[in-house]
Amino acid sequence: ERVVCFDFASRPGDPVQRRLVLELMGR
């Protein structure tokens, strides 16, 4: 897939609090 997920947490190993999803699929 041309989909990239960026996971954010307070520190490495902690539960993911936010996720930024970039979908690169033309229009």
mmCIF file of all heavy atoms, coordinates in Angstrom:
data_MODEL
# 
_entry.id   MODEL 
# 
loop_
_atom_site.group_PDB 
_atom_site.id 
_atom_site.type_symbol 
_atom_site.label_atom_id 
_atom_site.label_alt_id 
_atom_site.label_comp_id 
_atom_site.label_asym_id 
_atom_site.label_entity_id 
_atom_site.label_seq_id 
_atom_site.pdbx_PDB_ins_code 
_atom_site.Cartn_x 
_atom_site.Cartn_y 
_atom_site.Cartn_z 
_atom_site.occupancy 
_atom_site.B_iso_or_equiv 
_atom_site.pdbx_formal_charge 
_atom_site.auth_seq_id 
_atom_site.auth_comp_id 
_atom_site.auth_asym_id 
_atom_site.auth_atom_id 
_atom_site.pdbx_PDB_model_num 
ATOM 1   N N   . GLU A 1 1  ? 0.831   -1.201 0.000  1.00 0.00 ? 1  GLU A N   1 
ATOM 2   C CA  . GLU A 1 1  ? 0.000   0.000  0.000  1.00 0.00 ? 1  GLU A CA  1 
ATOM 3   C C   . GLU A 1 1  ? 0.865   1.250  0.000  1.00 0.00 ? 1  GLU A C   1 
ATOM 4   O O   . GLU A 1 1  ? 1.972   1.261  0.545  1.00 0.00 ? 1  GLU A O   1 
ATOM 5   C CB  . GLU A 1 1  ? -0.892  0.010  1.247  1.00 0.00 ? 1  GLU A CB  1 
ATOM 6   C CG  . GLU A 1 1  ? -1.940  -1.088 1.282  1.00 0.00 ? 1  GLU A CG  1 
ATOM 7   C CD  . GLU A 1 1  ? -3.172  -0.736 0.472  1.00 0.00 ? 1  GLU A CD  1 
ATOM 8   O OE1 . GLU A 1 1  ? -3.172  0.335  -0.176 1.00 0.00 ? 1  GLU A OE1 1 
ATOM 9   O OE2 . GLU A 1 1  ? -4.123  -1.534 0.482  1.00 0.00 ? 1  GLU A OE2 1 
ATOM 10  N N   . ARG A 1 2  ? 0.328   2.317  -0.576 1.00 0.00 ? 2  ARG A N   1 
ATOM 11  C CA  . ARG A 1 2  ? 0.975   3.621  -0.514 1.00 0.00 ? 2  ARG A CA  1 
ATOM 12  C C   . ARG A 1 2  ? 0.378   4.418  0.651  1.00 0.00 ? 2  ARG A C   1 
ATOM 13  O O   . ARG A 1 2  ? -0.108  5.528  0.493  1.00 0.00 ? 2  ARG A O   1 
ATOM 14  C CB  . ARG A 1 2  ? 0.807   4.365  -1.832 1.00 0.00 ? 2  ARG A CB  1 
ATOM 15  C CG  . ARG A 1 2  ? 1.686   3.827  -2.951 1.00 0.00 ? 2  ARG A CG  1 
ATOM 16  C CD  . ARG A 1 2  ? 1.598   4.684  -4.182 1.00 0.00 ? 2  ARG A CD  1 
ATOM 17  N NE  . ARG A 1 2  ? 0.286   4.599  -4.813 1.00 0.00 ? 2  ARG A NE  1 
ATOM 18  C CZ  . ARG A 1 2  ? -0.140  5.428  -5.763 1.00 0.00 ? 2  ARG A CZ  1 
ATOM 19  N NH1 . ARG A 1 2  ? 0.642   6.405  -6.185 1.00 0.00 ? 2  ARG A NH1 1 
ATOM 20  N NH2 . ARG A 1 2  ? -1.334  5.279  -6.288 1.00 0.00 ? 2  ARG A NH2 1 
ATOM 21  N N   . VAL A 1 3  ? 0.428   3.799  1.816  1.00 0.00 ? 3  VAL A N   1 
ATOM 22  C CA  . VAL A 1 3  ? -0.095  4.401  3.047  1.00 0.00 ? 3  VAL A CA  1 
ATOM 23  C C   . VAL A 1 3  ? 0.992   4.296  4.104  1.00 0.00 ? 3  VAL A C   1 
ATOM 24  O O   . VAL A 1 3  ? 1.531   3.222  4.351  1.00 0.00 ? 3  VAL A O   1 
ATOM 25  C CB  . VAL A 1 3  ? -1.373  3.689  3.527  1.00 0.00 ? 3  VAL A CB  1 
ATOM 26  C CG1 . VAL A 1 3  ? -1.869  4.318  4.823  1.00 0.00 ? 3  VAL A CG1 1 
ATOM 27  C CG2 . VAL A 1 3  ? -2.459  3.746  2.448  1.00 0.00 ? 3  VAL A CG2 1 
ATOM 28  N N   . VAL A 1 4  ? 1.313   5.420  4.731  1.00 0.00 ? 4  VAL A N   1 
ATOM 29  C CA  . VAL A 1 4  ? 2.343   5.473  5.769  1.00 0.00 ? 4  VAL A CA  1 
ATOM 30  C C   . VAL A 1 4  ? 1.704   5.958  7.056  1.00 0.00 ? 4  VAL A C   1 
ATOM 31  O O   . VAL A 1 4  ? 0.969   6.957  7.061  1.00 0.00 ? 4  VAL A O   1 
ATOM 32  C CB  . VAL A 1 4  ? 3.500   6.404  5.365  1.00 0.00 ? 4  VAL A CB  1 
ATOM 33  C CG1 . VAL A 1 4  ? 4.560   6.456  6.458  1.00 0.00 ? 4  VAL A CG1 1 
ATOM 34  C CG2 . VAL A 1 4  ? 4.121   5.953  4.058  1.00 0.00 ? 4  VAL A CG2 1 
ATOM 35  N N   . CYS A 1 5  ? 1.995   5.255  8.163  1.00 0.00 ? 5  CYS A N   1 
ATOM 36  C CA  . CYS A 1 5  ? 1.466   5.612  9.475  1.00 0.00 ? 5  CYS A CA  1 
ATOM 37  C C   . CYS A 1 5  ? 2.616   6.076  10.373 1.00 0.00 ? 5  CYS A C   1 
ATOM 38  O O   . CYS A 1 5  ? 3.623   5.367  10.516 1.00 0.00 ? 5  CYS A O   1 
ATOM 39  C CB  . CYS A 1 5  ? 0.754   4.425  10.114 1.00 0.00 ? 5  CYS A CB  1 
ATOM 40  S SG  . CYS A 1 5  ? -0.680  3.846  9.170  1.00 0.00 ? 5  CYS A SG  1 
ATOM 41  N N   . PHE A 1 6  ? 2.456   7.239  10.987 1.00 0.00 ? 6  PHE A N   1 
ATOM 42  C CA  . PHE A 1 6  ? 3.408   7.768  11.954 1.00 0.00 ? 6  PHE A CA  1 
ATOM 43  C C   . PHE A 1 6  ? 2.771   7.633  13.335 1.00 0.00 ? 6  PHE A C   1 
ATOM 44  O O   . PHE A 1 6  ? 1.725   8.243  13.601 1.00 0.00 ? 6  PHE A O   1 
ATOM 45  C CB  . PHE A 1 6  ? 3.729   9.243  11.667 1.00 0.00 ? 6  PHE A CB  1 
ATOM 46  C CG  . PHE A 1 6  ? 4.351   9.496  10.327 1.00 0.00 ? 6  PHE A CG  1 
ATOM 47  C CD1 . PHE A 1 6  ? 3.568   9.594  9.177  1.00 0.00 ? 6  PHE A CD1 1 
ATOM 48  C CD2 . PHE A 1 6  ? 5.715   9.632  10.200 1.00 0.00 ? 6  PHE A CD2 1 
ATOM 49  C CE1 . PHE A 1 6  ? 4.133   9.840  7.939  1.00 0.00 ? 6  PHE A CE1 1 
ATOM 50  C CE2 . PHE A 1 6  ? 6.302   9.881  8.961  1.00 0.00 ? 6  PHE A CE2 1 
ATOM 51  C CZ  . PHE A 1 6  ? 5.505   9.972  7.839  1.00 0.00 ? 6  PHE A CZ  1 
ATOM 52  N N   . ASP A 1 7  ? 3.398   6.874  14.217 1.00 0.00 ? 7  ASP A N   1 
ATOM 53  C CA  . ASP A 1 7  ? 2.867   6.644  15.564 1.00 0.00 ? 7  ASP A CA  1 
ATOM 54  C C   . ASP A 1 7  ? 3.581   7.529  16.569 1.00 0.00 ? 7  ASP A C   1 
ATOM 55  O O   . ASP A 1 7  ? 4.823   7.632  16.570 1.00 0.00 ? 7  ASP A O   1 
ATOM 56  C CB  . ASP A 1 7  ? 3.040   5.178  15.961 1.00 0.00 ? 7  ASP A CB  1 
ATOM 57  C CG  . ASP A 1 7  ? 2.127   4.257  15.148 1.00 0.00 ? 7  ASP A CG  1 
ATOM 58  O OD1 . ASP A 1 7  ? 1.151   4.764  14.566 1.00 0.00 ? 7  ASP A OD1 1 
ATOM 59  O OD2 . ASP A 1 7  ? 2.410   3.051  15.090 1.00 0.00 ? 7  ASP A OD2 1 
ATOM 60  N N   . PHE A 1 8  ? 2.789   8.137  17.470 1.00 0.00 ? 8  PHE A N   1 
ATOM 61  C CA  . PHE A 1 8  ? 3.317   9.053  18.469 1.00 0.00 ? 8  PHE A CA  1 
ATOM 62  C C   . PHE A 1 8  ? 2.923   8.579  19.863 1.00 0.00 ? 8  PHE A C   1 
ATOM 63  O O   . PHE A 1 8  ? 1.776   8.177  20.094 1.00 0.00 ? 8  PHE A O   1 
ATOM 64  C CB  . PHE A 1 8  ? 2.784   10.474 18.242 1.00 0.00 ? 8  PHE A CB  1 
ATOM 65  C CG  . PHE A 1 8  ? 3.239   11.095 16.949 1.00 0.00 ? 8  PHE A CG  1 
ATOM 66  C CD1 . PHE A 1 8  ? 2.529   10.874 15.766 1.00 0.00 ? 8  PHE A CD1 1 
ATOM 67  C CD2 . PHE A 1 8  ? 4.361   11.898 16.910 1.00 0.00 ? 8  PHE A CD2 1 
ATOM 68  C CE1 . PHE A 1 8  ? 2.943   11.449 14.578 1.00 0.00 ? 8  PHE A CE1 1 
ATOM 69  C CE2 . PHE A 1 8  ? 4.777   12.471 15.719 1.00 0.00 ? 8  PHE A CE2 1 
ATOM 70  C CZ  . PHE A 1 8  ? 4.076   12.242 14.551 1.00 0.00 ? 8  PHE A CZ  1 
ATOM 71  N N   . ALA A 1 9  ? 3.863   8.649  20.780 1.00 0.00 ? 9  ALA A N   1 
ATOM 72  C CA  . ALA A 1 9  ? 3.629   8.275  22.174 1.00 0.00 ? 9  ALA A CA  1 
ATOM 73  C C   . ALA A 1 9  ? 4.439   9.191  23.077 1.00 0.00 ? 9  ALA A C   1 
ATOM 74  O O   . ALA A 1 9  ? 5.279   9.985  22.607 1.00 0.00 ? 9  ALA A O   1 
ATOM 75  C CB  . ALA A 1 9  ? 4.007   6.807  22.407 1.00 0.00 ? 9  ALA A CB  1 
ATOM 76  N N   . SER A 1 10 ? 4.202   9.066  24.395 1.00 0.00 ? 10 SER A N   1 
ATOM 77  C CA  . SER A 1 10 ? 4.949   9.915  25.334 1.00 0.00 ? 10 SER A CA  1 
ATOM 78  C C   . SER A 1 10 ? 6.434   9.603  25.280 1.00 0.00 ? 10 SER A C   1 
ATOM 79  O O   . SER A 1 10 ? 7.279   10.501 25.341 1.00 0.00 ? 10 SER A O   1 
ATOM 80  C CB  . SER A 1 10 ? 4.411   9.723  26.747 1.00 0.00 ? 10 SER A CB  1 
ATOM 81  O OG  . SER A 1 10 ? 3.059   10.148 26.829 1.00 0.00 ? 10 SER A OG  1 
ATOM 82  N N   . ARG A 1 11 ? 6.756   8.307  25.136 1.00 0.00 ? 11 ARG A N   1 
ATOM 83  C CA  . ARG A 1 11 ? 8.151   7.876  25.013 1.00 0.00 ? 11 ARG A CA  1 
ATOM 84  C C   . ARG A 1 11 ? 8.149   6.501  24.366 1.00 0.00 ? 11 ARG A C   1 
ATOM 85  O O   . ARG A 1 11 ? 7.111   5.814  24.361 1.00 0.00 ? 11 ARG A O   1 
ATOM 86  C CB  . ARG A 1 11 ? 8.853   7.851  26.368 1.00 0.00 ? 11 ARG A CB  1 
ATOM 87  C CG  . ARG A 1 11 ? 8.186   6.958  27.388 1.00 0.00 ? 11 ARG A CG  1 
ATOM 88  C CD  . ARG A 1 11 ? 8.945   6.954  28.704 1.00 0.00 ? 11 ARG A CD  1 
ATOM 89  N NE  . ARG A 1 11 ? 9.086   8.285  29.251 1.00 0.00 ? 11 ARG A NE  1 
ATOM 90  C CZ  . ARG A 1 11 ? 8.177   8.867  30.043 1.00 0.00 ? 11 ARG A CZ  1 
ATOM 91  N NH1 . ARG A 1 11 ? 7.056   8.218  30.343 1.00 0.00 ? 11 ARG A NH1 1 
ATOM 92  N NH2 . ARG A 1 11 ? 8.377   10.072 30.517 1.00 0.00 ? 11 ARG A NH2 1 
ATOM 93  N N   . PRO A 1 12 ? 9.255   6.062  23.815 1.00 0.00 ? 12 PRO A N   1 
ATOM 94  C CA  . PRO A 1 12 ? 9.297   4.730  23.202 1.00 0.00 ? 12 PRO A CA  1 
ATOM 95  C C   . PRO A 1 12 ? 8.886   3.647  24.200 1.00 0.00 ? 12 PRO A C   1 
ATOM 96  O O   . PRO A 1 12 ? 9.307   3.644  25.360 1.00 0.00 ? 12 PRO A O   1 
ATOM 97  C CB  . PRO A 1 12 ? 10.763  4.584  22.782 1.00 0.00 ? 12 PRO A CB  1 
ATOM 98  C CG  . PRO A 1 12 ? 11.239  5.989  22.597 1.00 0.00 ? 12 PRO A CG  1 
ATOM 99  C CD  . PRO A 1 12 ? 10.528  6.798  23.626 1.00 0.00 ? 12 PRO A CD  1 
ATOM 100 N N   . GLY A 1 13 ? 8.029   2.734  23.747 1.00 0.00 ? 13 GLY A N   1 
ATOM 101 C CA  . GLY A 1 13 ? 7.526   1.656  24.590 1.00 0.00 ? 13 GLY A CA  1 
ATOM 102 C C   . GLY A 1 13 ? 6.187   1.938  25.207 1.00 0.00 ? 13 GLY A C   1 
ATOM 103 O O   . GLY A 1 13 ? 5.497   1.001  25.645 1.00 0.00 ? 13 GLY A O   1 
ATOM 104 N N   . ASP A 1 14 ? 5.758   3.236  25.259 1.00 0.00 ? 14 ASP A N   1 
ATOM 105 C CA  . ASP A 1 14 ? 4.451   3.574  25.804 1.00 0.00 ? 14 ASP A CA  1 
ATOM 106 C C   . ASP A 1 14 ? 3.359   3.350  24.755 1.00 0.00 ? 14 ASP A C   1 
ATOM 107 O O   . ASP A 1 14 ? 3.647   3.277  23.552 1.00 0.00 ? 14 ASP A O   1 
ATOM 108 C CB  . ASP A 1 14 ? 4.433   5.030  26.257 1.00 0.00 ? 14 ASP A CB  1 
ATOM 109 C CG  . ASP A 1 14 ? 5.213   5.235  27.549 1.00 0.00 ? 14 ASP A CG  1 
ATOM 110 O OD1 . ASP A 1 14 ? 5.737   4.222  28.073 1.00 0.00 ? 14 ASP A OD1 1 
ATOM 111 O OD2 . ASP A 1 14 ? 5.302   6.386  28.000 1.00 0.00 ? 14 ASP A OD2 1 
ATOM 112 N N   . PRO A 1 15 ? 2.106   3.245  25.200 1.00 0.00 ? 15 PRO A N   1 
ATOM 113 C CA  . PRO A 1 15 ? 1.005   3.079  24.231 1.00 0.00 ? 15 PRO A CA  1 
ATOM 114 C C   . PRO A 1 15 ? 0.933   4.259  23.266 1.00 0.00 ? 15 PRO A C   1 
ATOM 115 O O   . PRO A 1 15 ? 1.214   5.411  23.633 1.00 0.00 ? 15 PRO A O   1 
ATOM 116 C CB  . PRO A 1 15 ? -0.238  3.012  25.122 1.00 0.00 ? 15 PRO A CB  1 
ATOM 117 C CG  . PRO A 1 15 ? 0.268   2.588  26.461 1.00 0.00 ? 15 PRO A CG  1 
ATOM 118 C CD  . PRO A 1 15 ? 1.633   3.185  26.603 1.00 0.00 ? 15 PRO A CD  1 
ATOM 119 N N   . VAL A 1 16 ? 0.541   3.970  22.035 1.00 0.00 ? 16 VAL A N   1 
ATOM 120 C CA  . VAL A 1 16 ? 0.416   5.007  21.005 1.00 0.00 ? 16 VAL A CA  1 
ATOM 121 C C   . VAL A 1 16 ? -0.772  5.896  21.333 1.00 0.00 ? 16 VAL A C   1 
ATOM 122 O O   . VAL A 1 16 ? -1.887  5.415  21.553 1.00 0.00 ? 16 VAL A O   1 
ATOM 123 C CB  . VAL A 1 16 ? 0.256   4.368  19.612 1.00 0.00 ? 16 VAL A CB  1 
ATOM 124 C CG1 . VAL A 1 16 ? -0.033  5.441  18.573 1.00 0.00 ? 16 VAL A CG1 1 
ATOM 125 C CG2 . VAL A 1 16 ? 1.513   3.586  19.242 1.00 0.00 ? 16 VAL A CG2 1 
ATOM 126 N N   . GLN A 1 17 ? -0.545  7.209  21.373 1.00 0.00 ? 17 GLN A N   1 
ATOM 127 C CA  . GLN A 1 17 ? -1.606  8.163  21.680 1.00 0.00 ? 17 GLN A CA  1 
ATOM 128 C C   . GLN A 1 17 ? -2.161  8.848  20.436 1.00 0.00 ? 17 GLN A C   1 
ATOM 129 O O   . GLN A 1 17 ? -3.331  9.216  20.408 1.00 0.00 ? 17 GLN A O   1 
ATOM 130 C CB  . GLN A 1 17 ? -1.080  9.226  22.651 1.00 0.00 ? 17 GLN A CB  1 
ATOM 131 C CG  . GLN A 1 17 ? -0.612  8.677  23.990 1.00 0.00 ? 17 GLN A CG  1 
ATOM 132 C CD  . GLN A 1 17 ? -0.155  9.779  24.916 1.00 0.00 ? 17 GLN A CD  1 
ATOM 133 O OE1 . GLN A 1 17 ? -0.616  10.925 24.822 1.00 0.00 ? 17 GLN A OE1 1 
ATOM 134 N NE2 . GLN A 1 17 ? 0.756   9.458  25.832 1.00 0.00 ? 17 GLN A NE2 1 
ATOM 135 N N   . ARG A 1 18 ? -1.333  9.028  19.438 1.00 0.00 ? 18 ARG A N   1 
ATOM 136 C CA  . ARG A 1 18 ? -1.774  9.676  18.205 1.00 0.00 ? 18 ARG A CA  1 
ATOM 137 C C   . ARG A 1 18 ? -1.146  8.940  17.021 1.00 0.00 ? 18 ARG A C   1 
ATOM 138 O O   . ARG A 1 18 ? -0.045  8.404  17.114 1.00 0.00 ? 18 ARG A O   1 
ATOM 139 C CB  . ARG A 1 18 ? -1.362  11.153 18.156 1.00 0.00 ? 18 ARG A CB  1 
ATOM 140 C CG  . ARG A 1 18 ? -2.047  12.016 19.204 1.00 0.00 ? 18 ARG A CG  1 
ATOM 141 C CD  . ARG A 1 18 ? -3.516  12.211 18.890 1.00 0.00 ? 18 ARG A CD  1 
ATOM 142 N NE  . ARG A 1 18 ? -4.141  13.135 19.810 1.00 0.00 ? 18 ARG A NE  1 
ATOM 143 C CZ  . ARG A 1 18 ? -4.724  12.785 20.958 1.00 0.00 ? 18 ARG A CZ  1 
ATOM 144 N NH1 . ARG A 1 18 ? -4.730  11.501 21.329 1.00 0.00 ? 18 ARG A NH1 1 
ATOM 145 N NH2 . ARG A 1 18 ? -5.281  13.699 21.742 1.00 0.00 ? 18 ARG A NH2 1 
ATOM 146 N N   . ARG A 1 19 ? -1.870  8.948  15.923 1.00 0.00 ? 19 ARG A N   1 
ATOM 147 C CA  . ARG A 1 19 ? -1.363  8.339  14.690 1.00 0.00 ? 19 ARG A CA  1 
ATOM 148 C C   . ARG A 1 19 ? -1.678  9.278  13.530 1.00 0.00 ? 19 ARG A C   1 
ATOM 149 O O   . ARG A 1 19 ? -2.803  9.743  13.367 1.00 0.00 ? 19 ARG A O   1 
ATOM 150 C CB  . ARG A 1 19 ? -1.996  6.975  14.446 1.00 0.00 ? 19 ARG A CB  1 
ATOM 151 C CG  . ARG A 1 19 ? -1.701  6.399  13.057 1.00 0.00 ? 19 ARG A CG  1 
ATOM 152 C CD  . ARG A 1 19 ? -2.122  4.950  12.952 1.00 0.00 ? 19 ARG A CD  1 
ATOM 153 N NE  . ARG A 1 19 ? -1.211  4.087  13.712 1.00 0.00 ? 19 ARG A NE  1 
ATOM 154 C CZ  . ARG A 1 19 ? -1.355  2.775  13.797 1.00 0.00 ? 19 ARG A CZ  1 
ATOM 155 N NH1 . ARG A 1 19 ? -2.365  2.172  13.190 1.00 0.00 ? 19 ARG A NH1 1 
ATOM 156 N NH2 . ARG A 1 19 ? -0.488  2.057  14.479 1.00 0.00 ? 19 ARG A NH2 1 
ATOM 157 N N   . LEU A 1 20 ? -0.649  9.556  12.760 1.00 0.00 ? 20 LEU A N   1 
ATOM 158 C CA  . LEU A 1 20 ? -0.799  10.392 11.567 1.00 0.00 ? 20 LEU A CA  1 
ATOM 159 C C   . LEU A 1 20 ? -0.704  9.481  10.351 1.00 0.00 ? 20 LEU A C   1 
ATOM 160 O O   . LEU A 1 20 ? 0.299   8.777  10.165 1.00 0.00 ? 20 LEU A O   1 
ATOM 161 C CB  . LEU A 1 20 ? 0.300   11.459 11.524 1.00 0.00 ? 20 LEU A CB  1 
ATOM 162 C CG  . LEU A 1 20 ? 0.147   12.595 10.508 1.00 0.00 ? 20 LEU A CG  1 
ATOM 163 C CD1 . LEU A 1 20 ? -1.086  13.428 10.803 1.00 0.00 ? 20 LEU A CD1 1 
ATOM 164 C CD2 . LEU A 1 20 ? 1.391   13.485 10.508 1.00 0.00 ? 20 LEU A CD2 1 
ATOM 165 N N   . VAL A 1 21 ? -1.746  9.471  9.518  1.00 0.00 ? 21 VAL A N   1 
ATOM 166 C CA  . VAL A 1 21 ? -1.836  8.569  8.370  1.00 0.00 ? 21 VAL A CA  1 
ATOM 167 C C   . VAL A 1 21 ? -1.748  9.394  7.092  1.00 0.00 ? 21 VAL A C   1 
ATOM 168 O O   . VAL A 1 21 ? -2.565  10.303 6.873  1.00 0.00 ? 21 VAL A O   1 
ATOM 169 C CB  . VAL A 1 21 ? -3.148  7.762  8.386  1.00 0.00 ? 21 VAL A CB  1 
ATOM 170 C CG1 . VAL A 1 21 ? -3.197  6.811  7.188  1.00 0.00 ? 21 VAL A CG1 1 
ATOM 171 C CG2 . VAL A 1 21 ? -3.276  6.986  9.689  1.00 0.00 ? 21 VAL A CG2 1 
ATOM 172 N N   . LEU A 1 22 ? -0.757  9.091  6.269  1.00 0.00 ? 22 LEU A N   1 
ATOM 173 C CA  . LEU A 1 22 ? -0.583  9.753  4.977  1.00 0.00 ? 22 LEU A CA  1 
ATOM 174 C C   . LEU A 1 22 ? -0.903  8.752  3.877  1.00 0.00 ? 22 LEU A C   1 
ATOM 175 O O   . LEU A 1 22 ? -0.251  7.713  3.761  1.00 0.00 ? 22 LEU A O   1 
ATOM 176 C CB  . LEU A 1 22 ? 0.843   10.276 4.822  1.00 0.00 ? 22 LEU A CB  1 
ATOM 177 C CG  . LEU A 1 22 ? 1.184   10.951 3.490  1.00 0.00 ? 22 LEU A CG  1 
ATOM 178 C CD1 . LEU A 1 22 ? 0.332   12.202 3.273  1.00 0.00 ? 22 LEU A CD1 1 
ATOM 179 C CD2 . LEU A 1 22 ? 2.666   11.295 3.413  1.00 0.00 ? 22 LEU A CD2 1 
ATOM 180 N N   . GLU A 1 23 ? -1.912  9.057  3.073  1.00 0.00 ? 23 GLU A N   1 
ATOM 181 C CA  . GLU A 1 23 ? -2.341  8.186  1.982  1.00 0.00 ? 23 GLU A CA  1 
ATOM 182 C C   . GLU A 1 23 ? -1.961  8.855  0.664  1.00 0.00 ? 23 GLU A C   1 
ATOM 183 O O   . GLU A 1 23 ? -2.484  9.931  0.335  1.00 0.00 ? 23 GLU A O   1 
ATOM 184 C CB  . GLU A 1 23 ? -3.848  7.941  2.040  1.00 0.00 ? 23 GLU A CB  1 
ATOM 185 C CG  . GLU A 1 23 ? -4.306  7.302  3.342  1.00 0.00 ? 23 GLU A CG  1 
ATOM 186 C CD  . GLU A 1 23 ? -5.813  7.156  3.432  1.00 0.00 ? 23 GLU A CD  1 
ATOM 187 O OE1 . GLU A 1 23 ? -6.520  7.746  2.583  1.00 0.00 ? 23 GLU A OE1 1 
ATOM 188 O OE2 . GLU A 1 23 ? -6.288  6.458  4.345  1.00 0.00 ? 23 GLU A OE2 1 
ATOM 189 N N   . LEU A 1 24 ? -1.049  8.232  -0.069 1.00 0.00 ? 24 LEU A N   1 
ATOM 190 C CA  . LEU A 1 24 ? -0.575  8.787  -1.344 1.00 0.00 ? 24 LEU A CA  1 
ATOM 191 C C   . LEU A 1 24 ? -1.175  7.977  -2.479 1.00 0.00 ? 24 LEU A C   1 
ATOM 192 O O   . LEU A 1 24 ? -0.599  6.995  -2.932 1.00 0.00 ? 24 LEU A O   1 
ATOM 193 C CB  . LEU A 1 24 ? 0.955   8.751  -1.384 1.00 0.00 ? 24 LEU A CB  1 
ATOM 194 C CG  . LEU A 1 24 ? 1.676   9.456  -0.230 1.00 0.00 ? 24 LEU A CG  1 
ATOM 195 C CD1 . LEU A 1 24 ? 3.183   9.373  -0.403 1.00 0.00 ? 24 LEU A CD1 1 
ATOM 196 C CD2 . LEU A 1 24 ? 1.226   10.895 -0.114 1.00 0.00 ? 24 LEU A CD2 1 
ATOM 197 N N   . MET A 1 25 ? -2.366  8.387  -2.921 1.00 0.00 ? 25 MET A N   1 
ATOM 198 C CA  . MET A 1 25 ? -3.097  7.615  -3.923 1.00 0.00 ? 25 MET A CA  1 
ATOM 199 C C   . MET A 1 25 ? -3.698  8.541  -4.982 1.00 0.00 ? 25 MET A C   1 
ATOM 200 O O   . MET A 1 25 ? -4.905  8.545  -5.216 1.00 0.00 ? 25 MET A O   1 
ATOM 201 C CB  . MET A 1 25 ? -4.204  6.791  -3.247 1.00 0.00 ? 25 MET A CB  1 
ATOM 202 C CG  . MET A 1 25 ? -3.682  5.835  -2.187 1.00 0.00 ? 25 MET A CG  1 
ATOM 203 S SD  . MET A 1 25 ? -4.993  4.915  -1.343 1.00 0.00 ? 25 MET A SD  1 
ATOM 204 C CE  . MET A 1 25 ? -5.873  6.250  -0.544 1.00 0.00 ? 25 MET A CE  1 
ATOM 205 N N   . GLY A 1 26 ? -2.835  9.346  -5.606 1.00 0.00 ? 26 GLY A N   1 
ATOM 206 C CA  . GLY A 1 26 ? -3.301  10.216 -6.683 1.00 0.00 ? 26 GLY A CA  1 
ATOM 207 C C   . GLY A 1 26 ? -4.336  11.206 -6.185 1.00 0.00 ? 26 GLY A C   1 
ATOM 208 O O   . GLY A 1 26 ? -4.184  11.873 -5.169 1.00 0.00 ? 26 GLY A O   1 
ATOM 209 N N   . ARG A 1 27 ? -5.457  11.292 -6.905 1.00 0.00 ? 27 ARG A N   1 
ATOM 210 C CA  . ARG A 1 27 ? -6.499  12.259 -6.543 1.00 0.00 ? 27 ARG A CA  1 
ATOM 211 C C   . ARG A 1 27 ? -7.232  11.864 -5.267 1.00 0.00 ? 27 ARG A C   1 
ATOM 212 O O   . ARG A 1 27 ? -8.016  12.653 -4.730 1.00 0.00 ? 27 ARG A O   1 
ATOM 213 C CB  . ARG A 1 27 ? -7.485  12.429 -7.693 1.00 0.00 ? 27 ARG A CB  1 
ATOM 214 C CG  . ARG A 1 27 ? -8.244  11.175 -8.076 1.00 0.00 ? 27 ARG A CG  1 
ATOM 215 C CD  . ARG A 1 27 ? -9.061  11.391 -9.338 1.00 0.00 ? 27 ARG A CD  1 
ATOM 216 N NE  . ARG A 1 27 ? -9.825  10.226 -9.726 1.00 0.00 ? 27 ARG A NE  1 
ATOM 217 C CZ  . ARG A 1 27 ? -11.069 10.000 -9.347 1.00 0.00 ? 27 ARG A CZ  1 
ATOM 218 N NH1 . ARG A 1 27 ? -11.694 10.869 -8.567 1.00 0.00 ? 27 ARG A NH1 1 
ATOM 219 N NH2 . ARG A 1 27 ? -11.714 8.919  -9.750 1.00 0.00 ? 27 ARG A NH2 1 
# 
